[in-house]
């Protein structure tokens, strides 16, 4: 049985924290920034935890 390969696209988008949570960057900060408030743009620069329903799918993609 061959080893399971990591999905390289997912590996670049998601990160597993030390406690086992999966986080990703928030979407919506690449263009059309003039109508967004500075506070909103600041918040979009951070990371967000993935919802519980997506965990099994992303875990499978990140399996090493």
PDB file of N, CA and C in Angstrom:
ATOM      1  N   UNK A   1       0.850  -1.190   0.000  1.00  0.00           N
ATOM      2  CA  UNK A   1       0.000   0.000   0.000  1.00  0.00           C
ATOM      3  C   UNK A   1       0.890   1.246   0.000  1.00  0.00           C
ATOM      4  N   UNK A   2       0.730   2.136  -0.982  1.00  0.00           N
ATOM      5  CA  UNK A   2       1.573   3.335  -1.023  1.00  0.00           C
ATOM      6  C   UNK A   2       1.198   4.329   0.067  1.00  0.00           C
ATOM      7  N   UNK A   3       2.142   5.201   0.346  1.00  0.00           N
ATOM      8  CA  UNK A   3       1.889   6.258   1.336  1.00  0.00           C
ATOM      9  C   UNK A   3       0.842   7.231   0.804  1.00  0.00           C
ATOM     10  N   UNK A   4       0.087   7.845   1.722  1.00  0.00           N
ATOM     11  CA  UNK A   4      -0.893   8.863   1.326  1.00  0.00           C
ATOM     12  C   UNK A   4      -0.151  10.185   1.158  1.00  0.00           C
ATOM     13  N   UNK A   5      -0.330  10.809   0.014  1.00  0.00           N
ATOM     14  CA  UNK A   5       0.341  12.084  -0.237  1.00  0.00           C
ATOM     15  C   UNK A   5      -0.494  13.239   0.306  1.00  0.00           C
ATOM     16  N   UNK A   6       0.189  14.277   0.759  1.00  0.00           N
ATOM     17  CA  UNK A   6      -0.464  15.502   1.204  1.00  0.00           C
ATOM     18  C   UNK A   6      -0.954  16.262  -0.019  1.00  0.00           C
ATOM     19  N   UNK A   7      -2.161  16.795   0.054  1.00  0.00           N
ATOM     20  CA  UNK A   7      -2.695  17.639  -1.026  1.00  0.00           C
ATOM     21  C   UNK A   7      -1.965  18.971  -0.938  1.00  0.00           C
ATOM     22  N   UNK A   8      -1.119  19.268  -1.920  1.00  0.00           N
ATOM     23  CA  UNK A   8      -0.223  20.428  -1.840  1.00  0.00           C
ATOM     24  C   UNK A   8      -0.988  21.751  -1.847  1.00  0.00           C
ATOM     25  N   UNK A   9      -2.108  21.814  -2.558  1.00  0.00           N
ATOM     26  CA  UNK A   9      -2.908  23.032  -2.572  1.00  0.00           C
ATOM     27  C   UNK A   9      -3.487  23.322  -1.202  1.00  0.00           C
ATOM     28  N   UNK A  10      -3.948  22.274  -0.519  1.00  0.00           N
ATOM     29  CA  UNK A  10      -4.511  22.434   0.825  1.00  0.00           C
ATOM     30  C   UNK A  10      -3.417  22.770   1.840  1.00  0.00           C
ATOM     31  N   UNK A  11      -2.243  22.196   1.655  1.00  0.00           N
ATOM     32  CA  UNK A  11      -1.133  22.436   2.589  1.00  0.00           C
ATOM     33  C   UNK A  11      -0.717  23.900   2.591  1.00  0.00           C
ATOM     34  N   UNK A  12      -0.891  24.571   1.451  1.00  0.00           N
ATOM     35  CA  UNK A  12      -0.527  25.983   1.364  1.00  0.00           C
ATOM     36  C   UNK A  12      -1.596  26.892   1.962  1.00  0.00           C
ATOM     37  N   UNK A  13      -2.817  26.383   2.097  1.00  0.00           N
ATOM     38  CA  UNK A  13      -3.927  27.207   2.567  1.00  0.00           C
ATOM     39  C   UNK A  13      -4.286  27.002   4.032  1.00  0.00           C
ATOM     40  N   UNK A  14      -4.021  25.809   4.560  1.00  0.00           N
ATOM     41  CA  UNK A  14      -4.409  25.478   5.927  1.00  0.00           C
ATOM     42  C   UNK A  14      -3.196  25.138   6.771  1.00  0.00           C
ATOM     43  N   UNK A  15      -3.320  25.397   8.078  1.00  0.00           N
ATOM     44  CA  UNK A  15      -2.237  25.109   9.007  1.00  0.00           C
ATOM     45  C   UNK A  15      -2.843  24.465  10.248  1.00  0.00           C
ATOM     46  N   UNK A  16      -2.188  23.435  10.767  1.00  0.00           N
ATOM     47  CA  UNK A  16      -2.657  22.787  11.993  1.00  0.00           C
ATOM     48  C   UNK A  16      -1.876  23.384  13.155  1.00  0.00           C
ATOM     49  N   UNK A  17      -2.596  23.907  14.144  1.00  0.00           N
ATOM     50  CA  UNK A  17      -1.958  24.525  15.304  1.00  0.00           C
ATOM     51  C   UNK A  17      -1.452  23.440  16.249  1.00  0.00           C
ATOM     52  N   UNK A  18      -0.738  23.846  17.270  1.00  0.00           N
ATOM     53  CA  UNK A  18      -0.195  22.907  18.246  1.00  0.00           C
ATOM     54  C   UNK A  18      -1.268  22.147  18.981  1.00  0.00           C
ATOM     55  N   UNK A  19      -2.420  22.779  19.190  1.00  0.00           N
ATOM     56  CA  UNK A  19      -3.513  22.118  19.905  1.00  0.00           C
ATOM     57  C   UNK A  19      -4.390  21.270  18.980  1.00  0.00           C
ATOM     58  N   UNK A  20      -4.089  21.265  17.671  1.00  0.00           N
ATOM     59  CA  UNK A  20      -4.826  20.428  16.733  1.00  0.00           C
ATOM     60  C   UNK A  20      -5.918  21.124  15.957  1.00  0.00           C
ATOM     61  N   UNK A  21      -6.097  22.429  16.170  1.00  0.00           N
ATOM     62  CA  UNK A  21      -7.097  23.163  15.402  1.00  0.00           C
ATOM     63  C   UNK A  21      -6.559  23.421  13.996  1.00  0.00           C
ATOM     64  N   UNK A  22      -7.481  23.595  13.042  1.00  0.00           N
ATOM     65  CA  UNK A  22      -7.086  23.924  11.678  1.00  0.00           C
ATOM     66  C   UNK A  22      -7.473  25.369  11.421  1.00  0.00           C
ATOM     67  N   UNK A  23      -6.503  26.181  10.987  1.00  0.00           N
ATOM     68  CA  UNK A  23      -6.753  27.592  10.724  1.00  0.00           C
ATOM     69  C   UNK A  23      -6.385  27.924   9.285  1.00  0.00           C
ATOM     70  N   UNK A  24      -6.993  28.985   8.753  1.00  0.00           N
ATOM     71  CA  UNK A  24      -6.673  29.469   7.417  1.00  0.00           C
ATOM     72  C   UNK A  24      -6.799  30.978   7.411  1.00  0.00           C
ATOM     73  N   UNK A  25      -6.258  31.585   6.370  1.00  0.00           N
ATOM     74  CA  UNK A  25      -6.388  33.030   6.219  1.00  0.00           C
ATOM     75  C   UNK A  25      -7.810  33.355   5.774  1.00  0.00           C
ATOM     76  N   UNK A  26      -8.287  34.512   6.163  1.00  0.00           N
ATOM     77  CA  UNK A  26      -9.629  34.934   5.762  1.00  0.00           C
ATOM     78  C   UNK A  26      -9.613  35.413   4.317  1.00  0.00           C
ATOM     79  N   UNK A  27     -10.723  35.217   3.651  1.00  0.00           N
ATOM     80  CA  UNK A  27     -10.854  35.616   2.255  1.00  0.00           C
ATOM     81  C   UNK A  27     -11.346  37.051   2.168  1.00  0.00           C
ATOM     82  N   UNK A  28     -11.130  37.696   1.036  1.00  0.00           N
ATOM     83  CA  UNK A  28     -11.719  39.003   0.768  1.00  0.00           C
ATOM     84  C   UNK A  28     -10.797  40.186   0.944  1.00  0.00           C
ATOM     85  N   UNK A  29      -9.475  39.966   0.923  1.00  0.00           N
ATOM     86  CA  UNK A  29      -8.581  41.102   1.105  1.00  0.00           C
ATOM     87  C   UNK A  29      -7.652  41.302  -0.102  1.00  0.00           C
ATOM     88  N   UNK A  30      -8.083  40.812  -1.259  1.00  0.00           N
ATOM     89  CA  UNK A  30      -7.212  40.923  -2.423  1.00  0.00           C
ATOM     90  C   UNK A  30      -7.571  42.080  -3.346  1.00  0.00           C
ATOM     91  N   UNK A  31      -8.844  42.428  -3.444  1.00  0.00           N
ATOM     92  CA  UNK A  31      -9.237  43.543  -4.315  1.00  0.00           C
ATOM     93  C   UNK A  31     -10.556  44.126  -3.832  1.00  0.00           C
ATOM     94  N   UNK A  32     -10.974  45.224  -4.471  1.00  0.00           N
ATOM     95  CA  UNK A  32     -12.162  46.002  -4.064  1.00  0.00           C
ATOM     96  C   UNK A  32     -12.033  46.399  -2.589  1.00  0.00           C
ATOM     97  N   UNK A  33     -10.927  47.051  -2.263  1.00  0.00           N
ATOM     98  CA  UNK A  33     -10.653  47.415  -0.873  1.00  0.00           C
ATOM     99  C   UNK A  33     -11.111  48.827  -0.528  1.00  0.00           C
ATOM    100  N   UNK A  34     -11.456  49.617  -1.531  1.00  0.00           N
ATOM    101  CA  UNK A  34     -11.804  51.022  -1.258  1.00  0.00           C
ATOM    102  C   UNK A  34     -13.101  51.157  -0.472  1.00  0.00           C
ATOM    103  N   UNK A  35     -14.044  50.275  -0.703  1.00  0.00           N
ATOM    104  CA  UNK A  35     -15.330  50.369  -0.004  1.00  0.00           C
ATOM    105  C   UNK A  35     -15.312  49.686   1.362  1.00  0.00           C
ATOM    106  N   UNK A  36     -14.231  48.995   1.686  1.00  0.00           N
ATOM    107  CA  UNK A  36     -14.147  48.300   2.974  1.00  0.00           C
ATOM    108  C   UNK A  36     -13.490  49.213   4.007  1.00  0.00           C
ATOM    109  N   UNK A  37     -14.008  49.184   5.201  1.00  0.00           N
ATOM    110  CA  UNK A  37     -13.493  50.053   6.262  1.00  0.00           C
ATOM    111  C   UNK A  37     -12.123  49.553   6.727  1.00  0.00           C
ATOM    112  N   UNK A  38     -11.300  50.453   7.292  1.00  0.00           N
ATOM    113  CA  UNK A  38      -9.987  50.040   7.792  1.00  0.00           C
ATOM    114  C   UNK A  38     -10.084  48.927   8.833  1.00  0.00           C
ATOM    115  N   UNK A  39     -11.104  48.986   9.684  1.00  0.00           N
ATOM    116  CA  UNK A  39     -11.283  47.947  10.707  1.00  0.00           C
ATOM    117  C   UNK A  39     -11.550  46.591  10.053  1.00  0.00           C
ATOM    118  N   UNK A  40     -12.406  46.601   9.043  1.00  0.00           N
ATOM    119  CA  UNK A  40     -12.734  45.355   8.343  1.00  0.00           C
ATOM    120  C   UNK A  40     -11.508  44.774   7.642  1.00  0.00           C
ATOM    121  N   UNK A  41     -10.695  45.636   7.036  1.00  0.00           N
ATOM    122  CA  UNK A  41      -9.488  45.179   6.349  1.00  0.00           C
ATOM    123  C   UNK A  41      -8.474  44.622   7.339  1.00  0.00           C
ATOM    124  N   UNK A  42      -8.396  45.232   8.513  1.00  0.00           N
ATOM    125  CA  UNK A  42      -7.498  44.741   9.563  1.00  0.00           C
ATOM    126  C   UNK A  42      -7.898  43.331  10.006  1.00  0.00           C
ATOM    127  N   UNK A  43      -9.198  43.153  10.214  1.00  0.00           N
ATOM    128  CA  UNK A  43      -9.703  41.852  10.651  1.00  0.00           C
ATOM    129  C   UNK A  43      -9.490  40.785   9.567  1.00  0.00           C
ATOM    130  N   UNK A  44      -9.656  41.175   8.309  1.00  0.00           N
ATOM    131  CA  UNK A  44      -9.466  40.230   7.203  1.00  0.00           C
ATOM    132  C   UNK A  44      -8.010  39.783   7.069  1.00  0.00           C
ATOM    133  N   UNK A  45      -7.094  40.506   7.682  1.00  0.00           N
ATOM    134  CA  UNK A  45      -5.689  40.140   7.616  1.00  0.00           C
ATOM    135  C   UNK A  45      -5.323  39.003   8.540  1.00  0.00           C
ATOM    136  N   UNK A  46      -6.207  38.656   9.463  1.00  0.00           N
ATOM    137  CA  UNK A  46      -5.902  37.628  10.450  1.00  0.00           C
ATOM    138  C   UNK A  46      -6.229  36.221   9.976  1.00  0.00           C
ATOM    139  N   UNK A  47      -6.242  35.295  10.919  1.00  0.00           N
ATOM    140  CA  UNK A  47      -6.568  33.903  10.614  1.00  0.00           C
ATOM    141  C   UNK A  47      -7.909  33.539  11.241  1.00  0.00           C
ATOM    142  N   UNK A  48      -8.554  32.531  10.677  1.00  0.00           N
ATOM    143  CA  UNK A  48      -9.848  32.074  11.170  1.00  0.00           C
ATOM    144  C   UNK A  48      -9.795  30.565  11.364  1.00  0.00           C
ATOM    145  N   UNK A  49     -10.459  30.102  12.409  1.00  0.00           N
ATOM    146  CA  UNK A  49     -10.533  28.660  12.637  1.00  0.00           C
ATOM    147  C   UNK A  49     -11.578  28.070  11.691  1.00  0.00           C
ATOM    148  N   UNK A  50     -11.296  26.876  11.195  1.00  0.00           N
ATOM    149  CA  UNK A  50     -12.194  26.196  10.272  1.00  0.00           C
ATOM    150  C   UNK A  50     -13.384  25.636  11.041  1.00  0.00           C
ATOM    151  N   UNK A  51     -14.560  25.642  10.419  1.00  0.00           N
ATOM    152  CA  UNK A  51     -15.752  25.124  11.087  1.00  0.00           C
ATOM    153  C   UNK A  51     -15.635  23.607  11.274  1.00  0.00           C
ATOM    154  N   UNK A  52     -16.350  23.101  12.260  1.00  0.00           N
ATOM    155  CA  UNK A  52     -16.267  21.680  12.632  1.00  0.00           C
ATOM    156  C   UNK A  52     -16.702  20.760  11.496  1.00  0.00           C
ATOM    157  N   UNK A  53     -17.617  21.212  10.653  1.00  0.00           N
ATOM    158  CA  UNK A  53     -18.102  20.361   9.563  1.00  0.00           C
ATOM    159  C   UNK A  53     -17.038  20.131   8.492  1.00  0.00           C
ATOM    160  N   UNK A  54     -16.089  21.046   8.359  1.00  0.00           N
ATOM    161  CA  UNK A  54     -15.028  20.909   7.355  1.00  0.00           C
ATOM    162  C   UNK A  54     -13.822  20.122   7.863  1.00  0.00           C
ATOM    163  N   UNK A  55     -13.741  19.876   9.164  1.00  0.00           N
ATOM    164  CA  UNK A  55     -12.572  19.221   9.749  1.00  0.00           C
ATOM    165  C   UNK A  55     -12.215  17.886   9.091  1.00  0.00           C
ATOM    166  N   UNK A  56     -13.178  16.936   8.959  1.00  0.00           N
ATOM    167  CA  UNK A  56     -12.787  15.634   8.407  1.00  0.00           C
ATOM    168  C   UNK A  56     -12.232  15.731   6.985  1.00  0.00           C
ATOM    169  N   UNK A  57     -12.842  16.579   6.165  1.00  0.00           N
ATOM    170  CA  UNK A  57     -12.408  16.734   4.770  1.00  0.00           C
ATOM    171  C   UNK A  57     -10.999  17.303   4.694  1.00  0.00           C
ATOM    172  N   UNK A  58     -10.725  18.338   5.477  1.00  0.00           N
ATOM    173  CA  UNK A  58      -9.410  18.984   5.429  1.00  0.00           C
ATOM    174  C   UNK A  58      -8.347  18.101   6.074  1.00  0.00           C
ATOM    175  N   UNK A  59      -8.709  17.391   7.134  1.00  0.00           N
ATOM    176  CA  UNK A  59      -7.776  16.439   7.761  1.00  0.00           C
ATOM    177  C   UNK A  59      -7.313  15.388   6.749  1.00  0.00           C
ATOM    178  N   UNK A  60      -8.264  14.896   5.931  1.00  0.00           N
ATOM    179  CA  UNK A  60      -7.927  13.896   4.933  1.00  0.00           C
ATOM    180  C   UNK A  60      -6.976  14.480   3.878  1.00  0.00           C
ATOM    181  N   UNK A  61      -7.194  15.740   3.505  1.00  0.00           N
ATOM    182  CA  UNK A  61      -6.304  16.379   2.516  1.00  0.00           C
ATOM    183  C   UNK A  61      -4.915  16.607   3.088  1.00  0.00           C
ATOM    184  N   UNK A  62      -4.839  16.878   4.394  1.00  0.00           N
ATOM    185  CA  UNK A  62      -3.545  17.165   5.031  1.00  0.00           C
ATOM    186  C   UNK A  62      -2.877  15.922   5.598  1.00  0.00           C
ATOM    187  N   UNK A  63      -3.450  14.742   5.368  1.00  0.00           N
ATOM    188  CA  UNK A  63      -2.866  13.493   5.896  1.00  0.00           C
ATOM    189  C   UNK A  63      -1.460  13.301   5.309  1.00  0.00           C
ATOM    190  N   UNK A  64      -0.522  13.014   6.193  1.00  0.00           N
ATOM    191  CA  UNK A  64       0.861  12.861   5.728  1.00  0.00           C
ATOM    192  C   UNK A  64       1.312  11.423   5.778  1.00  0.00           C
TER     193      UNK A  64
END
